[in-house]
N, C-alpha and C. Protein backbone atom coordinates (compact mmCIF):
# COMPACT_ATOMS: atom_id res chain seq x y z
N UNK A 1 17.21 88.45 -11.99
CA UNK A 1 18.61 88.78 -12.09
C UNK A 1 19.39 87.50 -12.38
N UNK A 2 20.20 87.53 -13.39
CA UNK A 2 21.01 86.36 -13.75
C UNK A 2 22.35 86.44 -13.04
N UNK A 3 22.63 85.45 -12.23
CA UNK A 3 23.88 85.38 -11.47
C UNK A 3 24.59 84.09 -11.87
N UNK A 4 25.92 84.14 -11.94
CA UNK A 4 26.69 82.95 -12.30
C UNK A 4 27.11 82.20 -11.04
N UNK A 5 27.47 80.95 -11.21
CA UNK A 5 27.95 80.15 -10.09
C UNK A 5 29.22 80.76 -9.52
N UNK A 6 30.03 81.37 -10.36
CA UNK A 6 31.25 82.02 -9.91
C UNK A 6 30.93 83.19 -8.99
N UNK A 7 29.91 83.98 -9.34
CA UNK A 7 29.50 85.11 -8.50
C UNK A 7 28.94 84.63 -7.17
N UNK A 8 28.18 83.55 -7.21
CA UNK A 8 27.62 82.99 -5.98
C UNK A 8 28.75 82.53 -5.06
N UNK A 9 29.69 81.80 -5.61
CA UNK A 9 30.80 81.28 -4.80
C UNK A 9 31.69 82.42 -4.29
N UNK A 10 31.90 83.44 -5.09
CA UNK A 10 32.75 84.56 -4.69
C UNK A 10 32.12 85.39 -3.57
N UNK A 11 30.81 85.34 -3.43
CA UNK A 11 30.11 86.13 -2.42
C UNK A 11 30.04 85.43 -1.06
N UNK A 12 30.56 84.22 -0.96
CA UNK A 12 30.54 83.51 0.32
C UNK A 12 31.34 84.26 1.37
N UNK A 13 30.87 84.20 2.60
CA UNK A 13 31.61 84.79 3.72
C UNK A 13 32.73 83.84 4.13
N UNK A 14 33.56 84.28 5.07
CA UNK A 14 34.64 83.42 5.56
C UNK A 14 34.10 82.16 6.23
N UNK A 15 32.87 82.23 6.75
CA UNK A 15 32.25 81.08 7.39
C UNK A 15 31.62 80.12 6.38
N UNK A 16 31.61 80.49 5.13
CA UNK A 16 31.09 79.60 4.09
C UNK A 16 29.63 79.78 3.74
N UNK A 17 29.03 80.87 4.20
CA UNK A 17 27.62 81.13 3.90
C UNK A 17 27.47 82.44 3.15
N UNK A 18 26.26 82.95 3.13
CA UNK A 18 25.97 84.22 2.45
C UNK A 18 25.22 85.11 3.41
N UNK A 19 25.41 86.42 3.27
CA UNK A 19 24.72 87.35 4.15
C UNK A 19 23.30 87.59 3.64
N UNK A 20 22.46 88.00 4.57
CA UNK A 20 21.08 88.34 4.24
C UNK A 20 21.05 89.43 3.17
N UNK A 21 21.97 90.39 3.29
CA UNK A 21 22.02 91.51 2.34
C UNK A 21 22.39 91.04 0.93
N UNK A 22 23.36 90.14 0.84
CA UNK A 22 23.77 89.62 -0.47
C UNK A 22 22.62 88.88 -1.13
N UNK A 23 21.96 88.02 -0.36
CA UNK A 23 20.84 87.26 -0.92
C UNK A 23 19.69 88.19 -1.31
N UNK A 24 19.43 89.21 -0.51
CA UNK A 24 18.36 90.16 -0.82
C UNK A 24 18.66 90.89 -2.13
N UNK A 25 19.92 91.22 -2.37
CA UNK A 25 20.30 91.90 -3.61
C UNK A 25 20.01 91.02 -4.83
N UNK A 26 20.06 89.71 -4.63
CA UNK A 26 19.77 88.77 -5.71
C UNK A 26 18.29 88.40 -5.76
N UNK A 27 17.50 88.89 -4.81
CA UNK A 27 16.08 88.59 -4.78
C UNK A 27 15.72 87.30 -4.07
N UNK A 28 16.63 86.79 -3.24
CA UNK A 28 16.39 85.56 -2.50
C UNK A 28 15.83 85.91 -1.13
N UNK A 29 14.73 85.26 -0.73
CA UNK A 29 14.10 85.53 0.57
C UNK A 29 14.97 84.99 1.69
N UNK A 30 14.75 85.53 2.90
CA UNK A 30 15.45 85.06 4.10
C UNK A 30 14.47 84.39 5.02
N UNK A 31 14.75 83.25 5.56
CA UNK A 31 15.93 82.44 5.27
C UNK A 31 15.84 81.85 3.87
N UNK A 32 16.97 81.61 3.25
CA UNK A 32 16.95 81.13 1.87
C UNK A 32 16.27 79.76 1.77
N UNK A 33 15.32 79.63 0.86
CA UNK A 33 14.62 78.35 0.71
C UNK A 33 15.51 77.28 0.09
N UNK A 34 15.14 76.06 0.32
CA UNK A 34 15.88 74.94 -0.27
C UNK A 34 15.87 75.10 -1.79
N UNK A 35 17.02 74.91 -2.41
CA UNK A 35 17.13 75.01 -3.85
C UNK A 35 17.32 76.43 -4.39
N UNK A 36 17.63 77.38 -3.51
CA UNK A 36 17.72 78.77 -3.95
C UNK A 36 18.82 79.00 -4.97
N UNK A 37 19.96 78.30 -4.83
CA UNK A 37 21.06 78.51 -5.79
C UNK A 37 20.67 78.02 -7.17
N UNK A 38 20.05 76.87 -7.27
CA UNK A 38 19.63 76.33 -8.55
C UNK A 38 18.60 77.25 -9.21
N UNK A 39 17.64 77.75 -8.42
CA UNK A 39 16.63 78.65 -8.95
C UNK A 39 17.26 79.97 -9.41
N UNK A 40 18.22 80.46 -8.65
CA UNK A 40 18.90 81.71 -9.01
C UNK A 40 19.67 81.54 -10.31
N UNK A 41 20.36 80.42 -10.45
CA UNK A 41 21.13 80.17 -11.68
C UNK A 41 20.23 80.05 -12.90
N UNK A 42 19.01 79.55 -12.70
CA UNK A 42 18.06 79.43 -13.81
C UNK A 42 17.37 80.76 -14.11
N UNK A 43 17.59 81.77 -13.25
CA UNK A 43 16.94 83.06 -13.44
C UNK A 43 15.54 83.10 -12.91
N UNK A 44 15.21 82.21 -11.97
CA UNK A 44 13.85 82.12 -11.44
C UNK A 44 13.64 82.98 -10.19
N UNK A 45 14.65 83.66 -9.72
CA UNK A 45 14.52 84.49 -8.52
C UNK A 45 14.11 85.88 -8.91
């Protein structure tokens, strides 16, 4: 799934993180591994 940096930033919670459900929808494992945003932006998730 191709996600933009804008979509990633817009999905942040008020505490500044992301929910397990949001990351799961993008195919990111929980807990999110180091470098998950970069991999997601490259379409590697």
